[in-house]
Structure formats: C-alpha cells, structure tokens
Amino acid sequence: MYDATRLDAAPRVRIALLGAALEQVADVEHLQGGRAGRMIAGVRWWARGGFGRVEAIYVETSTVVASPFDLVFLAWSRLRRRPVGIYFRDAYQLHRDLFPIQRRRQLLADVAWRATLPILRRVATTRFAPSAGLADVLGLRDAVLLPPGTDPSLPDLGVSRSNLIAAVVAPTRAAGFDILRAALELVRREVPDARLRVITSAPAPKGLPEWIEVAAGDRSMLATLLGEARLIVIPVPLTRYGQLAVPVRLADLVAFGKPIVATDSAATRAFLRESEAALLSDDTAEALASTIGRVLRDDVLAAAAAARARAFAEAPGSTWRNRAETVIEHLVGHAA
C-alpha cells in the first residue's frame, strides 16, 4: 500500500528490498504505484487473469489508510480462496499525545485508519508484525514476527579511531535528538573533540553548536556518511510507544560493522535476540553519555561491538532472504 516505485522513505526502501528477496525464492508479480496507479495496475492484472496465476497475496499496510480499491482487492482475494498476508507496520496513531496532530488532514486520516484497521485484520489469513508489542496494541491475533531484514552486501566499514559519533535520526524531541544532544554535551566534558553527525532528510534546527553537523543523505549515502564515525547511536525515547516500536534503521546499520549504542527498549531487545549486536542503554543523557564514552575510550570494546553487529547482519536468520522465506512459508508453505 506504499508506492514502492519511489524509494524516498524507509518503508518504501524496505518494501523494495523484500520484493527483491521474494523474487529469489518465489515467482512474484508486483502491483505498484500510488493509489491511482496501483488501482489501474490492479484492475488490469485482475482482468488478465492474475488471480489464476498466484497462490497467495502479500501486502504491507500504509501508516495512513488503505484505499477502497485495496480493501476490495483483498476481500476478493479471500473470496477466491487465496491466502492473504498483511504486514502491519505501525501504530503511532494510538499515541497522539506523543505525535500530536498538526493538520486537519491528519485527523481525517486517523479516523479512516481506525475504521479500516478492523477490516484489514479480518481479511488477513496471516498477520505479520515487526514486534510483539505492536501486534498486541493492534489486536493482531496469532501474529507472525518477521526476521529483521539485514543486508550483508553493505560494506563492513570497521571501527574508526575518530571521535565522531553518528546518528540517523530526525532532529526532533520525539525522535530522541534532545536526549542525544544532552548526552554529547556530557561526553565532550571528557572528550572535548567529540562531534556529532546527524543524518536526516529533515531541515537542520537553528542555533546548533559547531560540533553538531547535520548531513542530508539517503540509504545509498550511508556508507560514505558513516565511514569516519567511531560509533552509531539510536536514541529512541523509552515511551510506551518507544518500547514497542522497532527502530528499523537498526537492520541496515548493523551491516556497516560499527559499534552501535541503542536505547534499551523491549522491541529492540527482541529484535536483536541474543546477539548483543548493540550496546543497550537507558534513555537518559547520563546513561547514553556513559555508554558512548566507554566506546570512545576502549578500543577492545569498540572492536568487539563492531564485530557482533556485523555478525548479526551476516547471520542467515537475520537477512532479507530469511524474511522472504518466512513470508512464503506462512502463506503457501513452500517456495516456487
């Protein structure tokens, strides 16, 4: 339900990566585009006997709302006795105190999202989710948690000896930027040349100190922007939403072979399993500063953390191929 022909947002990129992995283990037919484009493509596919060629349907829900065509298409899939797998990505609409509505359009979208969610739950034969917490709040019965989706083809950058800290994060309070900035201020008391590089598509806030650099970049530029960094920080605030939402950027970041410091949410721990692929910290500036400082001071710790991150990315059970095989297994029980 995303336009995966435009790879300008994390969900679209991840859908494209899963689509490529599915093609390695099954015969796949894609229906892509925006709402209008997807409807036109879907009607043509339908008219040309598409349902007769496929064994199952898989979709990833938009974080906004399903279109009427999407709902009709999925309901017809069930009537044609095709298994329907739906991946439920997010539930930030249930936490509007943390993500306040700023435009009337958002309010209307929220109403539509709440109205269509029960339909999607009912029409799905298999409900996929990124975390047990999200599955619970969305009311997804017998949800299947998908493997992380790591990409070992990304370059292993290794540990740098610089005091540059990198973070792929929006420069907002909700994303944890304020906590991260306060943590770096504490770190700089012990390591005066420590710097922070924030990688984001959002505009840079005004009044940042000279030791904070804001760099624009997408997934294709991450290796260049992270190469110089000693470590990467993922400062998700441990709100009730932060506890249940998986920071999906972690799936890409582990492959770069850098030490990773992340806040210690239940969803992140479950995502990493027993790998210790990230050093986990409380979400206070003091706790983050302490963990960051340890990585800056201790070369042995940094090297070990980097190796564990890369090993997690390379593990067969973590990769996009394993994610694709899990989808196929639960929908049809075999690959083509």
Foldseek 3Di string as FASTA:
>chain_A
DAQLVDPPDVVSVLVVLLVVLLVVFADDDDQHDPPVSSLVSVVVCVVVPVLVVDQAEEDEDDPFADDPSRLVVLQVCVVVVHAYEYEDEADCLVVCVLVPDDDPVSVVSSVRRVVCLVSVLVSHPAYEYQFPLRCVVSVRPPHDHFFLAADLVPAQLAAALDLEEEEAFDCDVQQLNVQQVLLVVVLCVVVVLHAYEYEYQDDDDPDDDPRYHYHYDDPVCVCVVCNNHREYERQRAADSRSQTHDPSVLRYVLSRLWAYEYEDHVSPCVNCPPLLLYHYFHNHSNGVNVVSNCSSVDVVVGNVSSVSSNVQSPPPCRHSNVSSVVVCCVRPNGTD
